[in-house]
């Protein structure tokens, strides 16, 4: 096409038709400009398509991480609820309920002693941050949800560490001075594995009777009920946030269908 215009311009010059020459020259320039604009548009479209594909890849991986988090949160909350129930049962004996079943009492005290840390699965989010690709997430609700979730996680980890310190001071350290943990651990393992591990052995009543006179240990179980309940409330909030982000991701991915 450009060669065609060039031949026409050359002929017009030879025929001394200057005005028409300029018209054709302008037409040739416009044609070049249009070609450049079309090329830029195609390039921009290709780049936008690539970015969208990358965004969808990240969204898929984020969803996978969030699903794993929900499963872990459910397990964590269930464990803490079990600890709360056990702590309440133990406190009944601190308040005067007769100690008739040592195995049950040992099980519930040990169940409270168990400490599990929650670790968030956020590999994809960290990759987005470290690579500078967070801007690829075009949905602001998803992006803000991820940032809020991360902020909540950091807050909860700080509180979890504080609660762990309380457990060490009010539960673990006092029990070490009055309880023989070897038979307790063996008995607890026997119960939770339904006899597949551990040992069903007699427990020393005198140790527990001494324990029930220790105000510090009683306060430890009181704090366990309170702090486990607070933690579960916060982690339930975190679970709800994960579920909401998954809902938003599903909606965003459905736009491609």
Protein backbone atom coordinates (compact mmCIF):
# COMPACT_ATOMS: atom_id res chain seq x y z
CA UNK A 1 0.00 0.00 0.00
CA UNK A 2 2.83 2.39 0.87
CA UNK A 3 4.56 1.63 -2.43
CA UNK A 4 1.28 2.38 -4.21
CA UNK A 5 1.09 5.85 -2.61
CA UNK A 6 4.75 6.45 -3.35
CA UNK A 7 4.25 5.74 -7.07
CA UNK A 8 1.27 8.08 -7.18
CA UNK A 9 3.25 10.86 -5.48
CA UNK A 10 6.10 10.44 -7.91
CA UNK A 11 3.75 10.65 -10.89
CA UNK A 12 2.06 13.76 -9.46
CA UNK A 13 5.43 15.44 -9.04
CA UNK A 14 6.31 14.62 -12.61
CA UNK A 15 2.97 16.10 -13.70
CA UNK A 16 3.57 19.19 -11.50
CA UNK A 17 0.37 18.58 -9.49
CA UNK A 18 1.72 19.77 -6.14
CA UNK A 19 -1.58 20.07 -4.26
CA UNK A 20 -2.58 16.52 -5.04
CA UNK A 21 0.93 15.43 -4.14
CA UNK A 22 0.53 16.80 -0.63
CA UNK A 23 -2.84 15.13 -0.25
CA UNK A 24 -1.38 11.77 -1.10
CA UNK A 25 1.61 12.43 1.17
CA UNK A 26 -0.74 13.14 4.05
CA UNK A 27 -2.67 9.99 3.22
CA UNK A 28 0.53 7.99 3.32
CA UNK A 29 1.42 9.46 6.73
CA UNK A 30 -2.04 8.70 8.06
CA UNK A 31 -1.75 5.14 6.82
CA UNK A 32 1.55 4.70 8.65
CA UNK A 33 0.10 6.20 11.84
CA UNK A 34 -2.95 3.94 11.65
CA UNK A 35 -0.69 0.94 11.17
CA UNK A 36 1.34 1.88 14.23
CA UNK A 37 -1.79 2.39 16.31
CA UNK A 38 -3.16 -0.98 15.24
CA UNK A 39 0.14 -2.65 16.12
CA UNK A 40 0.14 -0.95 19.53
CA UNK A 41 -3.44 -2.02 20.14
CA UNK A 42 -2.62 -5.61 19.28
CA UNK A 43 0.44 -5.50 21.53
CA UNK A 44 -1.58 -3.99 24.39
CA UNK A 45 -4.27 -6.62 23.95
CA UNK A 46 -1.69 -9.40 24.04
CA UNK A 47 -0.09 -7.93 27.15
CA UNK A 48 -3.47 -7.56 28.86
CA UNK A 49 -4.30 -11.17 28.01
CA UNK A 50 -1.00 -12.38 29.46
CA UNK A 51 -1.55 -10.36 32.64
CA UNK A 52 -5.06 -11.74 33.00
CA UNK A 53 -3.79 -15.30 32.59
CA UNK A 54 -1.16 -14.63 35.26
CA UNK A 55 -3.79 -13.10 37.54
CA UNK A 56 -6.05 -16.14 37.17
CA UNK A 57 -3.10 -18.39 37.96
CA UNK A 58 -2.47 -16.47 41.18
CA UNK A 59 -6.17 -16.51 42.08
CA UNK A 60 -6.31 -20.28 41.65
CA UNK A 61 -3.29 -20.75 43.92
CA UNK A 62 -4.65 -18.26 46.47
CA UNK A 63 -7.87 -20.24 46.61
CA UNK A 64 -5.91 -23.45 47.23
CA UNK A 65 -4.00 -21.80 50.08
CA UNK A 66 -7.21 -20.48 51.63
CA UNK A 67 -8.89 -23.89 51.48
CA UNK A 68 -5.90 -25.40 53.28
CA UNK A 69 -6.11 -22.64 55.89
CA UNK A 70 -9.78 -23.33 56.53
CA UNK A 71 -9.08 -27.03 57.06
CA UNK A 72 -6.24 -26.22 59.47
CA UNK A 73 -8.36 -23.63 61.29
CA UNK A 74 -11.15 -26.18 61.73
CA UNK A 75 -8.68 -28.65 63.23
CA UNK A 76 -7.17 -25.98 65.45
CA UNK A 77 -10.55 -24.72 66.70
CA UNK A 78 -11.71 -28.28 67.41
CA UNK A 79 -8.55 -28.97 69.42
CA UNK A 80 -8.98 -25.77 71.43
CA UNK A 81 -12.67 -26.50 72.09
CA UNK A 82 -11.65 -29.88 73.43
CA UNK A 83 -9.11 -28.14 75.67
CA UNK A 84 -11.76 -25.72 76.95
CA UNK A 85 -14.09 -28.58 77.87
CA UNK A 86 -11.26 -30.45 79.60
CA UNK A 87 -10.21 -27.35 81.56
CA UNK A 88 -13.78 -26.88 82.82
CA UNK A 89 -13.92 -30.50 83.96
CA UNK A 90 -10.59 -30.12 85.80
CA UNK A 91 -11.81 -26.92 87.47
CA UNK A 92 -14.80 -28.78 88.90
CA UNK A 93 -12.34 -30.86 90.93
CA UNK A 94 -10.48 -27.73 92.05
CA UNK A 95 -13.87 -26.51 93.32
CA UNK A 96 -14.39 -29.65 95.42
CA UNK A 97 -15.79 -32.37 93.17
CA UNK A 98 -14.47 -35.74 94.43
CA UNK A 99 -11.62 -37.25 92.43
CA UNK A 100 -13.02 -40.70 91.64
CA UNK A 101 -11.62 -41.43 88.17
CA UNK A 102 -7.89 -40.75 87.99
CA UNK A 103 -7.62 -41.83 84.35
CA UNK A 104 -10.29 -39.35 83.27
CA UNK A 105 -8.79 -36.56 85.36
CA UNK A 106 -5.29 -37.23 83.99
CA UNK A 107 -6.65 -37.27 80.45
CA UNK A 108 -8.31 -33.87 80.83
CA UNK A 109 -5.33 -32.20 82.51
CA UNK A 110 -2.98 -33.46 79.80
CA UNK A 111 -5.45 -32.45 77.10
CA UNK A 112 -5.21 -28.86 78.35
CA UNK A 113 -1.42 -29.00 78.45
CA UNK A 114 -1.24 -29.77 74.72
CA UNK A 115 -0.16 -26.65 72.85
CA UNK A 116 -0.45 -26.37 69.09
CA UNK A 117 0.61 -23.37 67.04
CA UNK A 118 -1.37 -22.30 64.01
CA UNK A 119 0.70 -21.55 60.91
CA UNK A 120 -1.00 -19.87 57.99
CA UNK A 121 -0.53 -21.18 54.46
CA UNK A 122 0.27 -17.99 52.55
CA UNK A 123 2.94 -18.96 50.01
CA UNK A 124 1.04 -17.42 47.10
CA UNK A 125 0.41 -14.15 48.94
CA UNK A 126 4.09 -13.91 49.89
CA UNK A 127 5.05 -14.54 46.26
CA UNK A 128 2.75 -11.71 45.15
CA UNK A 129 4.33 -9.36 47.68
CA UNK A 130 7.96 -10.34 47.08
CA UNK A 131 7.63 -10.23 43.28
CA UNK A 132 5.75 -6.92 43.27
CA UNK A 133 2.86 -8.60 41.46
CA UNK A 134 0.11 -7.78 43.95
CA UNK A 135 -1.09 -5.12 41.48
CA UNK A 136 -2.02 -7.97 39.11
CA UNK A 137 -5.01 -8.68 41.36
CA UNK A 138 -7.48 -6.35 39.68
CA UNK A 139 -10.36 -6.96 42.10
CA UNK A 140 -9.84 -4.50 44.96
CA UNK A 141 -12.12 -6.47 47.29
CA UNK A 142 -9.92 -9.55 46.90
CA UNK A 143 -6.74 -7.54 47.28
CA UNK A 144 -7.96 -5.73 50.41
CA UNK A 145 -9.28 -8.99 51.82
CA UNK A 146 -5.85 -10.60 51.48
CA UNK A 147 -4.15 -7.63 53.13
CA UNK A 148 -6.66 -7.59 56.00
CA UNK A 149 -6.27 -11.34 56.47
CA UNK A 150 -2.50 -10.99 56.72
CA UNK A 151 -2.85 -8.16 59.25
CA UNK A 152 -5.21 -10.27 61.38
CA UNK A 153 -2.83 -13.23 61.23
CA UNK A 154 0.08 -11.13 62.50
CA UNK A 155 -2.07 -9.81 65.33
CA UNK A 156 -3.20 -13.29 66.32
CA UNK A 157 0.33 -14.69 66.30
CA UNK A 158 1.39 -12.00 68.77
CA UNK A 159 -1.50 -12.87 71.06
CA UNK A 160 -0.86 -16.58 70.65
CA UNK A 161 2.72 -16.06 71.83
CA UNK A 162 1.44 -14.17 74.87
CA UNK A 163 -0.98 -16.99 75.72
CA UNK A 164 1.80 -19.56 75.31
CA UNK A 165 3.83 -17.68 77.91
CA UNK A 166 0.88 -17.78 80.31
CA UNK A 167 0.60 -21.54 79.77
CA UNK A 168 4.26 -22.04 80.61
CA UNK A 169 4.06 -19.98 83.82
CA UNK A 170 0.64 -21.09 85.10
CA UNK A 171 0.36 -24.66 83.78
CA UNK A 172 3.59 -26.29 82.75
CA UNK A 173 6.05 -25.09 85.40
CA UNK A 174 3.77 -25.74 88.44
CA UNK A 175 2.86 -29.23 87.20
CA UNK A 176 6.52 -30.20 86.88
CA UNK A 177 7.01 -29.79 90.63
CA UNK A 178 4.08 -31.97 91.79
CA UNK A 179 3.28 -34.45 89.00
CA UNK A 180 5.18 -37.50 87.79
CA UNK A 181 4.67 -36.94 84.07
CA UNK A 182 6.02 -40.30 82.90
CA UNK A 183 2.98 -42.42 83.87
CA UNK A 184 0.64 -39.57 82.91
CA UNK A 185 2.01 -39.33 79.38
CA UNK A 186 1.96 -43.11 78.95
CA UNK A 187 -1.63 -43.29 80.18
CA UNK A 188 -2.76 -40.38 78.00
CA UNK A 189 -1.13 -41.89 74.91
CA UNK A 190 -2.85 -45.20 75.64
CA UNK A 191 -6.24 -43.50 75.80
CA UNK A 192 -5.96 -41.30 72.68
CA UNK A 193 -4.61 -44.19 70.57
CA UNK A 194 -7.21 -46.63 71.92
CA UNK A 195 -4.53 -48.92 73.28
CA UNK A 196 -2.29 -48.92 70.20
CA UNK A 197 0.49 -47.04 72.01
CA UNK A 198 1.40 -45.96 75.52
CA UNK A 199 0.54 -48.00 78.59
CA UNK A 200 -2.55 -48.41 80.76
CA UNK A 201 -0.90 -47.97 84.13
CA UNK A 202 -2.06 -46.82 87.54
CA UNK A 203 -1.66 -43.14 88.30
CA UNK A 204 -0.47 -41.68 91.62
CA UNK A 205 -3.47 -40.19 93.45
CA UNK A 206 -1.31 -38.31 95.93
CA UNK A 207 0.24 -36.19 93.18
CA UNK A 208 -3.15 -35.05 91.94
CA UNK A 209 -4.42 -34.32 95.43
CA UNK A 210 -1.39 -32.08 95.91
CA UNK A 211 -2.05 -30.43 92.57
CA UNK A 212 -5.67 -29.65 93.51
CA UNK A 213 -4.43 -27.60 96.47
CA UNK A 214 -2.26 -25.38 94.25
CA UNK A 215 -3.99 -22.06 93.54
CA UNK A 216 -1.48 -21.21 90.82
CA UNK A 217 -2.41 -24.30 88.84
CA UNK A 218 -6.10 -23.62 89.34
CA UNK A 219 -5.59 -20.15 87.90
CA UNK A 220 -3.77 -21.75 84.99
CA UNK A 221 -6.85 -23.76 84.06
CA UNK A 222 -9.05 -20.69 84.52
CA UNK A 223 -6.81 -18.80 82.09
CA UNK A 224 -6.88 -21.75 79.70
CA UNK A 225 -10.67 -21.52 79.42
CA UNK A 226 -10.53 -17.78 78.86
CA UNK A 227 -7.56 -17.64 76.50
CA UNK A 228 -8.55 -20.67 74.42
CA UNK A 229 -12.01 -19.12 74.01
CA UNK A 230 -10.52 -15.80 72.89
CA UNK A 231 -8.22 -17.54 70.44
CA UNK A 232 -11.05 -19.58 68.98
CA UNK A 233 -13.14 -16.47 68.50
CA UNK A 234 -10.33 -14.80 66.61
CA UNK A 235 -9.54 -17.82 64.50
CA UNK A 236 -13.23 -18.21 63.68
CA UNK A 237 -13.09 -14.63 62.39
CA UNK A 238 -10.08 -15.57 60.30
CA UNK A 239 -11.93 -18.57 58.89
CA UNK A 240 -14.87 -16.34 57.90
CA UNK A 241 -12.46 -13.98 56.12
CA UNK A 242 -10.94 -16.90 54.20
CA UNK A 243 -14.39 -18.07 53.14
CA UNK A 244 -15.35 -14.58 51.94
CA UNK A 245 -12.17 -14.22 49.87
CA UNK A 246 -12.81 -17.62 48.29
CA UNK A 247 -16.33 -16.47 47.37
CA UNK A 248 -14.90 -13.35 45.71
CA UNK A 249 -12.27 -15.38 43.87
CA UNK A 250 -14.93 -17.77 42.57
CA UNK A 251 -16.96 -14.84 41.25
CA UNK A 252 -13.88 -13.34 39.58
CA UNK A 253 -12.92 -16.62 37.92
CA UNK A 254 -16.48 -17.16 36.69
CA UNK A 255 -16.12 -14.01 34.58
CA UNK A 256 -13.93 -16.05 32.23
CA UNK A 257 -16.69 -18.60 31.57
